[in-house]
Amino acid sequence: MSDLRTADVPALIVRRTFKAPRTEVFEAWTSANLIRRWFGPLGTTVSDAIFEPRQGGYYRIAMTSSAGEAYNVRGTITEYSKPERLAYTFRWEEEDPELERDTFVSIDFIDRGTTTEVVLKHEGFSDEASRARHEGGWNGALDQLALLAEAAEQPKRAFTITGMDLGGYMVQDAPRAIGFYRDVLGLEPSRLYPDNRGAEYDLADGTTFGLWGGGGKVVPFQPSNGILFRVDDFAGAVAALKKRGIPIIMQNELSGCFMAWINDTEGNSVILHKRK
């Protein structure tokens, strides 16, 4: 039986340069965890990946397209020379195993200093249409690999945001605002600050809300919006506000929640919120 690589269809050759060292680019091709992050064109997700990084090793990559179609490819690693060269057979799994056939992929990783040139060769296609489909697929996947390589080379962050300690509003007149939040919303300050500097409120769910006056010298006042206060009885809360004569600026029912907007004495938006 003749080698499929001698077929009349020309081999597909793709060259790309990645902004990452050769060892890292090679690892992206041979680590199952990294393969999951880039293999396949945009819109494709890798649900499972197996890659045995050695000559004679087995690999299998299970993918789902943006249209929900499943594509699985598997093969045997025929060359494994870290970090210079990798080669393997390439076989799509078909419902009818008789339709399955091996094609052949080789990748050379060329050190270009701070970058790596990759030369991918894929051969053994049955026809030009198959070659064209694989050309589009490989270029889409390599686009994803380029994004992964660039992200890996970004400067490492010195810190990580793990949550939000405190949210609140600036106020012009702290005593006036504190009275509004007490009388209208029933919030009692956990901490009061002198010299018109406001108050902080420790809420039942463990979060903290603040009113900051700044004593007239820390930061200039400007009204804000965006904080949603959770209520247990939305209809009752709206009714209570109306009974007090507090204008409801806007009231919405969305697919996942109820919201009602009012203004505090300083012009800040106060949003009462209840999830469905």
Protein backbone atom coordinates (compact mmCIF):
# COMPACT_ATOMS: atom_id res chain seq x y z
CA MET A 1 0.00 0.00 0.00
CA SER A 2 1.47 3.38 -0.97
CA ASP A 3 2.15 6.09 1.57
CA LEU A 4 -0.66 8.67 1.51
CA ARG A 5 1.97 11.40 1.68
CA THR A 6 2.82 10.69 -1.97
CA ALA A 7 -0.67 11.66 -3.12
CA ASP A 8 -1.13 14.29 -5.83
CA VAL A 9 -2.65 16.86 -3.45
CA PRO A 10 0.10 19.29 -2.39
CA ALA A 11 1.07 19.40 1.27
CA LEU A 12 -0.31 22.29 3.31
CA ILE A 13 2.46 24.45 4.79
CA VAL A 14 1.68 27.24 7.27
CA ARG A 15 4.30 29.55 8.79
CA ARG A 16 3.65 31.67 11.85
CA THR A 17 5.80 33.67 14.28
CA PHE A 18 4.76 33.83 17.94
CA LYS A 19 5.84 36.36 20.54
CA ALA A 20 7.07 33.78 23.03
CA PRO A 21 10.19 31.65 23.64
CA ARG A 22 10.46 28.36 21.79
CA THR A 23 10.13 26.24 24.94
CA GLU A 24 6.79 27.88 25.76
CA VAL A 25 5.40 27.52 22.24
CA PHE A 26 6.43 23.85 22.17
CA GLU A 27 4.71 23.32 25.53
CA ALA A 28 1.50 24.87 24.16
CA TRP A 29 1.45 22.10 21.52
CA THR A 30 2.23 19.25 23.92
CA SER A 31 0.41 20.11 27.18
CA ALA A 32 -3.20 18.91 27.32
CA ASN A 33 -4.13 21.81 29.61
CA LEU A 34 -2.77 24.36 27.12
CA ILE A 35 -4.18 22.58 24.07
CA ARG A 36 -7.64 23.05 25.60
CA ARG A 37 -7.10 26.81 25.47
CA TRP A 38 -6.26 27.28 21.79
CA PHE A 39 -6.82 24.26 19.58
CA GLY A 40 -9.45 24.89 16.93
CA PRO A 41 -10.59 28.15 15.29
CA LEU A 42 -12.50 30.95 17.03
CA GLY A 43 -15.82 29.70 18.37
CA THR A 44 -14.55 26.15 18.87
CA THR A 45 -14.25 24.82 22.40
CA VAL A 46 -12.09 21.88 23.44
CA SER A 47 -14.07 19.71 25.85
CA ASP A 48 -11.31 17.16 26.42
CA ALA A 49 -7.67 16.71 25.48
CA ILE A 50 -5.22 13.86 26.00
CA PHE A 51 -1.59 14.22 24.95
CA GLU A 52 1.18 11.79 25.92
CA PRO A 53 4.37 13.85 25.35
CA ARG A 54 6.71 11.17 23.98
CA GLN A 55 7.48 9.40 20.75
CA GLY A 56 4.86 6.70 20.29
CA GLY A 57 2.47 8.51 22.62
CA TYR A 58 -1.26 8.79 22.02
CA TYR A 59 -3.28 11.98 21.70
CA ARG A 60 -6.94 12.77 21.30
CA ILE A 61 -8.67 16.17 21.15
CA ALA A 62 -12.47 16.49 21.44
CA MET A 63 -13.93 19.74 20.09
CA THR A 64 -17.34 21.37 19.70
CA SER A 65 -17.99 23.97 17.01
CA SER A 66 -19.96 27.19 17.55
CA ALA A 67 -22.89 25.40 15.86
CA GLY A 68 -22.78 22.60 18.44
CA GLU A 69 -21.19 19.98 16.17
CA ALA A 70 -18.67 17.57 17.72
CA TYR A 71 -15.28 16.98 16.10
CA ASN A 72 -12.76 14.54 17.53
CA VAL A 73 -9.23 13.98 16.25
CA ARG A 74 -6.71 11.42 17.42
CA GLY A 75 -3.36 10.01 16.45
CA THR A 76 0.09 8.73 17.39
CA ILE A 77 3.12 10.89 18.04
CA THR A 78 5.79 9.84 15.56
CA GLU A 79 8.49 12.40 16.46
CA TYR A 80 9.06 14.17 19.75
CA SER A 81 12.22 16.27 19.91
CA LYS A 82 11.71 18.91 22.59
CA PRO A 83 11.67 21.80 21.81
CA GLU A 84 12.66 21.59 18.13
CA ARG A 85 10.20 19.29 16.36
CA LEU A 86 6.94 17.43 16.76
CA ALA A 87 5.12 15.11 14.36
CA TYR A 88 2.04 12.90 14.56
CA THR A 89 -0.61 11.10 12.58
CA PHE A 90 -3.90 12.97 12.32
CA ARG A 91 -7.21 11.11 12.04
CA TRP A 92 -10.73 12.49 12.34
CA GLU A 93 -13.16 10.15 14.08
CA GLU A 94 -16.12 9.31 11.83
CA GLU A 95 -19.43 7.58 12.55
CA ASP A 96 -18.35 5.02 9.98
CA PRO A 97 -14.77 3.92 10.84
CA GLU A 98 -14.30 2.88 7.22
CA LEU A 99 -14.25 6.57 6.31
CA GLU A 100 -11.40 7.35 8.69
CA ARG A 101 -7.91 7.88 7.27
CA ASP A 102 -4.59 9.10 8.57
CA THR A 103 -3.00 12.31 7.42
CA PHE A 104 0.35 13.50 8.71
CA VAL A 105 1.36 16.62 10.62
CA SER A 106 4.84 17.88 11.45
CA ILE A 107 5.76 21.07 13.27
CA ASP A 108 9.20 22.66 13.41
CA PHE A 109 9.86 25.21 16.16
CA ILE A 110 12.60 27.66 15.13
CA ASP A 111 14.21 29.85 17.79
CA ARG A 112 14.21 33.51 16.70
CA GLY A 113 15.44 35.00 19.98
CA THR A 114 12.46 36.55 21.71
CA THR A 115 10.07 34.99 19.19
CA THR A 116 9.47 31.55 17.73
CA GLU A 117 8.80 30.70 14.11
CA VAL A 118 6.52 27.70 13.64
CA VAL A 119 6.46 25.80 10.35
CA LEU A 120 3.50 23.42 10.16
CA LYS A 121 3.28 20.84 7.40
CA HIS A 122 0.11 18.78 6.91
CA GLU A 123 0.03 16.22 4.11
CA GLY A 124 -1.85 13.20 2.86
CA PHE A 125 -5.14 14.88 1.98
CA SER A 126 -7.63 13.00 -0.19
CA ASP A 127 -8.52 16.06 -2.27
CA GLU A 128 -8.12 19.81 -2.60
CA ALA A 129 -11.38 20.51 -0.72
CA SER A 130 -10.06 18.68 2.36
CA ARG A 131 -6.78 20.59 2.12
CA ALA A 132 -8.66 23.91 1.96
CA ARG A 133 -10.80 23.05 5.00
CA HIS A 134 -7.72 22.16 7.03
CA GLU A 135 -5.95 25.34 5.92
CA GLY A 136 -8.82 27.41 7.35
CA GLY A 137 -8.92 25.32 10.51
CA TRP A 138 -5.19 25.54 11.20
CA ASN A 139 -5.04 29.28 10.56
CA GLY A 140 -7.96 29.85 12.92
CA ALA A 141 -6.32 27.71 15.61
CA LEU A 142 -2.98 29.49 15.20
CA ASP A 143 -4.76 32.82 15.61
CA GLN A 144 -5.94 31.53 18.98
CA LEU A 145 -2.44 30.33 19.86
CA ALA A 146 -1.04 33.78 19.05
CA LEU A 147 -3.47 35.37 21.51
CA LEU A 148 -2.51 32.82 24.15
CA ALA A 149 1.21 33.44 23.61
CA GLU A 150 0.81 37.22 23.83
CA ALA A 151 -1.24 36.96 27.02
CA ALA A 152 1.42 34.72 28.60
CA GLU A 153 4.11 37.29 27.84
CA GLN A 154 2.29 40.23 29.44
CA PRO A 155 3.99 41.55 32.58
CA LYS A 156 2.97 39.52 35.60
CA ARG A 157 0.59 41.39 37.87
CA ALA A 158 1.88 42.26 41.32
CA PHE A 159 -1.53 41.76 42.89
CA THR A 160 -4.92 40.16 42.35
CA ILE A 161 -8.36 41.64 43.00
CA THR A 162 -10.18 39.17 45.25
CA GLY A 163 -13.39 41.06 45.99
CA MET A 164 -14.84 44.43 46.92
CA ASP A 165 -14.34 45.65 50.47
CA LEU A 166 -16.52 48.72 50.39
CA GLY A 167 -18.90 50.64 48.14
CA GLY A 168 -20.60 53.95 48.73
CA TYR A 169 -21.45 57.49 47.70
CA MET A 170 -20.03 60.96 48.17
CA VAL A 171 -22.36 63.37 49.97
CA GLN A 172 -22.46 67.14 50.40
CA ASP A 173 -24.14 67.16 53.80
CA ALA A 174 -23.29 64.02 55.76
CA PRO A 175 -25.80 64.48 58.65
CA ARG A 176 -28.60 65.13 56.16
CA ALA A 177 -27.69 62.03 54.12
CA ILE A 178 -27.35 59.86 57.24
CA GLY A 179 -30.84 60.93 58.28
CA PHE A 180 -32.25 59.96 54.87
CA TYR A 181 -30.69 56.50 54.92
CA ARG A 182 -31.94 55.98 58.48
CA ASP A 183 -35.47 57.32 58.03
CA VAL A 184 -36.22 56.06 54.51
CA LEU A 185 -34.15 52.88 54.24
CA GLY A 186 -33.82 51.91 57.89
CA LEU A 187 -30.02 51.81 57.86
CA GLU A 188 -28.25 52.51 61.14
CA PRO A 189 -24.58 53.54 60.89
CA SER A 190 -21.97 51.10 62.18
CA ARG A 191 -19.38 53.90 62.27
CA LEU A 192 -19.86 57.67 62.30
CA TYR A 193 -17.08 60.06 61.35
CA PRO A 194 -16.76 63.68 62.57
CA ASP A 195 -16.32 66.88 60.58
CA ASN A 196 -18.95 66.03 57.96
CA ARG A 197 -16.97 62.94 56.93
CA GLY A 198 -19.93 60.58 56.81
CA ALA A 199 -20.65 57.07 58.02
CA GLU A 200 -20.25 53.39 57.14
CA TYR A 201 -22.87 50.65 57.37
CA ASP A 202 -22.14 46.95 57.87
CA LEU A 203 -25.00 45.17 56.11
CA ALA A 204 -26.51 41.82 57.01
CA ASP A 205 -24.82 39.97 54.13
CA GLY A 206 -21.33 41.03 55.25
CA THR A 207 -20.85 43.90 52.78
CA THR A 208 -20.17 47.49 53.80
CA PHE A 209 -21.76 50.65 52.43
CA GLY A 210 -20.33 54.12 52.99
CA LEU A 211 -21.39 57.77 52.86
CA TRP A 212 -18.38 60.05 52.55
CA GLY A 213 -18.53 63.77 53.00
CA GLY A 214 -14.80 64.29 52.99
CA GLY A 215 -15.04 67.14 55.46
CA GLY A 216 -15.30 69.44 52.43
CA LYS A 217 -11.62 68.96 51.56
CA VAL A 218 -10.84 65.38 50.51
CA VAL A 219 -12.56 65.05 47.12
CA PRO A 220 -15.11 67.23 45.33
CA PHE A 221 -18.70 66.04 45.46
CA GLN A 222 -20.42 64.60 42.43
CA PRO A 223 -23.59 62.49 42.38
CA SER A 224 -23.20 58.81 41.55
CA ASN A 225 -25.23 55.77 40.66
CA GLY A 226 -24.78 52.04 40.39
CA ILE A 227 -25.27 50.52 43.84
CA LEU A 228 -28.15 48.07 44.08
CA PHE A 229 -29.51 47.47 47.59
CA ARG A 230 -31.03 44.02 48.09
CA VAL A 231 -34.53 43.93 49.63
CA ASP A 232 -36.53 40.89 50.73
CA ASP A 233 -39.97 42.35 49.89
CA PHE A 234 -39.74 44.45 46.74
CA ALA A 235 -43.44 45.27 46.44
CA GLY A 236 -43.58 46.20 50.11
CA ALA A 237 -40.50 48.43 49.77
CA VAL A 238 -41.97 50.31 46.80
CA ALA A 239 -45.28 50.74 48.62
CA ALA A 240 -43.49 52.10 51.70
CA LEU A 241 -41.57 54.63 49.62
CA LYS A 242 -44.72 55.85 47.91
CA LYS A 243 -46.48 56.14 51.27
CA ARG A 244 -43.69 58.44 52.47
CA GLY A 245 -43.99 60.54 49.32
CA ILE A 246 -40.57 59.50 47.98
CA PRO A 247 -40.65 59.81 44.17
CA ILE A 248 -39.97 56.59 42.27
CA ILE A 249 -37.87 57.76 39.33
CA MET A 250 -38.00 54.44 37.50
CA GLN A 251 -39.34 50.96 38.23
CA ASN A 252 -38.43 47.94 36.10
CA GLU A 253 -39.17 44.24 35.99
CA LEU A 254 -36.46 42.40 34.05
CA SER A 255 -36.09 38.71 33.25
CA GLY A 256 -34.11 38.07 36.42
CA CYS A 257 -34.98 40.84 38.86
CA PHE A 258 -37.07 43.80 40.02
CA MET A 259 -35.55 47.29 40.41
CA ALA A 260 -36.77 50.66 41.65
CA TRP A 261 -34.80 53.94 41.48
CA ILE A 262 -35.03 56.82 43.93
CA ASN A 263 -32.67 59.70 44.72
CA ASP A 264 -31.15 60.41 48.11
CA THR A 265 -30.90 63.95 49.51
CA GLU A 266 -27.54 64.46 47.72
CA GLY A 267 -28.66 63.45 44.23
CA ASN A 268 -27.21 59.93 44.30
CA SER A 269 -29.27 57.12 42.76
CA VAL A 270 -30.51 54.54 45.26
CA ILE A 271 -31.63 51.32 43.55
CA LEU A 272 -33.72 48.79 45.42
CA HIS A 273 -33.24 45.35 43.90
CA LYS A 274 -34.69 41.86 44.26
CA ARG A 275 -33.63 38.82 42.26
CA LYS A 276 -36.34 36.49 40.98
